[in-house]
Amino acid sequence: MFEDPDPIVEAVMVITSRGHTIEPDDDFENWRVDGGAWITVGDLLALAICLGLSAGNGKVH
């Protein structure tokens, strides 16, 4: 059967679809959004939610 979608992958897809750039570190544990400071995976999800990206297509669970 199908697995539940990965919330990190969904967050990255939604954020990039809105025109932002996202760059992971070598371990995919920290992320850089639009060339800013490195943030954690948890911060990436929080950013997606704070930006209102949790509704509609690309819903962040």
N, C-alpha and C. Protein backbone atom coordinates (compact mmCIF):
# COMPACT_ATOMS: atom_id res chain seq x y z
N MET A 1 0.83 -1.18 0.00
CA MET A 1 0.00 0.00 0.00
C MET A 1 0.88 1.25 0.00
N PHE A 2 0.20 2.38 -0.03
CA PHE A 2 0.90 3.66 -0.05
C PHE A 2 1.26 4.08 1.37
N GLU A 3 2.43 4.69 1.49
CA GLU A 3 2.86 5.22 2.78
C GLU A 3 2.31 6.63 2.94
N ASP A 4 2.19 7.07 4.20
CA ASP A 4 1.80 8.44 4.44
C ASP A 4 2.89 9.36 3.90
N PRO A 5 2.50 10.50 3.34
CA PRO A 5 3.51 11.42 2.82
C PRO A 5 4.39 11.97 3.94
N ASP A 6 5.65 12.19 3.62
CA ASP A 6 6.61 12.75 4.57
C ASP A 6 6.31 14.24 4.73
N PRO A 7 6.05 14.71 5.94
CA PRO A 7 5.71 16.13 6.13
C PRO A 7 6.84 17.07 5.73
N ILE A 8 8.09 16.63 5.86
CA ILE A 8 9.21 17.48 5.46
C ILE A 8 9.21 17.66 3.94
N VAL A 9 9.03 16.56 3.22
CA VAL A 9 8.99 16.62 1.75
C VAL A 9 7.83 17.52 1.31
N GLU A 10 6.68 17.36 1.96
CA GLU A 10 5.53 18.19 1.61
C GLU A 10 5.81 19.67 1.90
N ALA A 11 6.41 19.96 3.04
CA ALA A 11 6.73 21.35 3.38
C ALA A 11 7.68 21.95 2.35
N VAL A 12 8.71 21.20 1.99
CA VAL A 12 9.68 21.69 1.00
C VAL A 12 8.98 21.93 -0.35
N MET A 13 8.14 20.99 -0.77
CA MET A 13 7.45 21.14 -2.05
C MET A 13 6.55 22.37 -2.06
N VAL A 14 5.81 22.56 -0.99
CA VAL A 14 4.90 23.70 -0.92
C VAL A 14 5.67 25.02 -0.88
N ILE A 15 6.70 25.09 -0.06
CA ILE A 15 7.47 26.33 0.07
C ILE A 15 8.15 26.67 -1.26
N THR A 16 8.74 25.68 -1.92
CA THR A 16 9.39 25.97 -3.21
C THR A 16 8.37 26.33 -4.27
N SER A 17 7.17 25.75 -4.19
CA SER A 17 6.15 26.10 -5.19
C SER A 17 5.68 27.54 -5.03
N ARG A 18 5.95 28.13 -3.88
CA ARG A 18 5.59 29.53 -3.63
C ARG A 18 6.74 30.48 -4.01
N GLY A 19 7.80 29.93 -4.62
CA GLY A 19 8.88 30.77 -5.12
C GLY A 19 10.08 30.91 -4.21
N HIS A 20 10.09 30.20 -3.10
CA HIS A 20 11.24 30.25 -2.19
C HIS A 20 12.26 29.18 -2.57
N THR A 21 13.51 29.43 -2.25
CA THR A 21 14.54 28.42 -2.46
C THR A 21 14.87 27.77 -1.12
N ILE A 22 15.08 26.47 -1.16
CA ILE A 22 15.41 25.72 0.05
C ILE A 22 16.60 24.82 -0.25
N GLU A 23 17.56 24.85 0.66
CA GLU A 23 18.79 24.08 0.51
C GLU A 23 19.03 23.28 1.78
N PRO A 24 19.13 21.94 1.66
CA PRO A 24 19.42 21.13 2.85
C PRO A 24 20.93 21.04 3.10
N ASP A 25 21.29 20.72 4.35
CA ASP A 25 22.70 20.41 4.61
C ASP A 25 22.95 18.97 4.16
N ASP A 26 24.15 18.48 4.35
CA ASP A 26 24.51 17.14 3.88
C ASP A 26 23.70 16.02 4.52
N ASP A 27 23.22 16.24 5.74
CA ASP A 27 22.46 15.23 6.48
C ASP A 27 20.95 15.44 6.42
N PHE A 28 20.51 16.48 5.72
CA PHE A 28 19.09 16.83 5.63
C PHE A 28 18.47 17.08 7.02
N GLU A 29 19.28 17.59 7.94
CA GLU A 29 18.79 17.92 9.27
C GLU A 29 18.62 19.42 9.46
N ASN A 30 19.31 20.21 8.67
CA ASN A 30 19.21 21.66 8.72
C ASN A 30 18.93 22.16 7.31
N TRP A 31 18.21 23.26 7.24
CA TRP A 31 17.75 23.78 5.96
C TRP A 31 18.01 25.27 5.89
N ARG A 32 18.30 25.76 4.69
CA ARG A 32 18.49 27.19 4.45
C ARG A 32 17.40 27.64 3.50
N VAL A 33 16.61 28.61 3.92
CA VAL A 33 15.52 29.13 3.11
C VAL A 33 15.91 30.50 2.57
N ASP A 34 15.85 30.64 1.26
CA ASP A 34 16.19 31.90 0.57
C ASP A 34 17.56 32.42 0.97
N GLY A 35 18.51 31.51 1.20
CA GLY A 35 19.88 31.91 1.51
C GLY A 35 20.09 32.44 2.91
N GLY A 36 19.09 32.30 3.78
CA GLY A 36 19.20 32.79 5.15
C GLY A 36 19.99 31.86 6.04
N ALA A 37 19.83 32.04 7.32
CA ALA A 37 20.52 31.22 8.31
C ALA A 37 19.98 29.79 8.27
N TRP A 38 20.79 28.84 8.71
CA TRP A 38 20.36 27.45 8.79
C TRP A 38 19.29 27.30 9.85
N ILE A 39 18.24 26.53 9.54
CA ILE A 39 17.18 26.24 10.50
C ILE A 39 17.01 24.73 10.61
N THR A 40 16.42 24.27 11.70
CA THR A 40 16.22 22.84 11.92
C THR A 40 14.99 22.36 11.14
N VAL A 41 14.83 21.05 11.10
CA VAL A 41 13.66 20.45 10.46
C VAL A 41 12.38 20.95 11.12
N GLY A 42 12.38 21.01 12.45
CA GLY A 42 11.22 21.50 13.17
C GLY A 42 10.91 22.95 12.82
N ASP A 43 11.95 23.75 12.69
CA ASP A 43 11.76 25.15 12.30
C ASP A 43 11.22 25.26 10.88
N LEU A 44 11.64 24.34 10.00
CA LEU A 44 11.15 24.35 8.63
C LEU A 44 9.65 24.08 8.59
N LEU A 45 9.21 23.09 9.37
CA LEU A 45 7.77 22.81 9.45
C LEU A 45 7.02 23.99 10.06
N ALA A 46 7.57 24.57 11.12
CA ALA A 46 6.93 25.72 11.75
C ALA A 46 6.83 26.89 10.78
N LEU A 47 7.86 27.10 10.01
CA LEU A 47 7.85 28.18 9.01
C LEU A 47 6.75 27.95 7.99
N ALA A 48 6.63 26.72 7.51
CA ALA A 48 5.59 26.40 6.55
C ALA A 48 4.21 26.69 7.14
N ILE A 49 4.00 26.32 8.37
CA ILE A 49 2.72 26.55 9.03
C ILE A 49 2.49 28.05 9.25
N CYS A 50 3.51 28.75 9.73
CA CYS A 50 3.37 30.19 9.99
C CYS A 50 3.10 30.98 8.73
N LEU A 51 3.63 30.54 7.63
CA LEU A 51 3.39 31.22 6.35
C LEU A 51 2.01 30.91 5.78
N GLY A 52 1.26 30.07 6.49
CA GLY A 52 -0.08 29.73 6.02
C GLY A 52 -0.07 28.73 4.90
N LEU A 53 0.97 27.93 4.83
CA LEU A 53 1.09 26.98 3.74
C LEU A 53 0.48 25.64 4.06
N SER A 54 -0.29 25.56 5.15
CA SER A 54 -0.84 24.27 5.54
C SER A 54 -2.24 24.03 4.98
N ALA A 55 -2.70 24.88 4.11
CA ALA A 55 -4.04 24.71 3.53
C ALA A 55 -3.93 24.50 2.03
N GLY A 56 -4.88 23.78 1.49
CA GLY A 56 -4.92 23.57 0.05
C GLY A 56 -3.94 22.53 -0.42
N ASN A 57 -3.53 22.63 -1.68
CA ASN A 57 -2.58 21.69 -2.25
C ASN A 57 -1.26 21.75 -1.50
N GLY A 58 -0.63 20.62 -1.32
CA GLY A 58 0.62 20.57 -0.60
C GLY A 58 0.43 20.72 0.89
N LYS A 59 -0.67 20.26 1.40
CA LYS A 59 -1.00 20.40 2.82
C LYS A 59 0.08 19.78 3.70
N VAL A 60 0.55 20.53 4.67
CA VAL A 60 1.52 20.05 5.64
C VAL A 60 0.75 19.42 6.79
N HIS A 61 1.02 18.13 7.09
CA HIS A 61 0.28 17.40 8.14
C HIS A 61 0.91 17.63 9.48
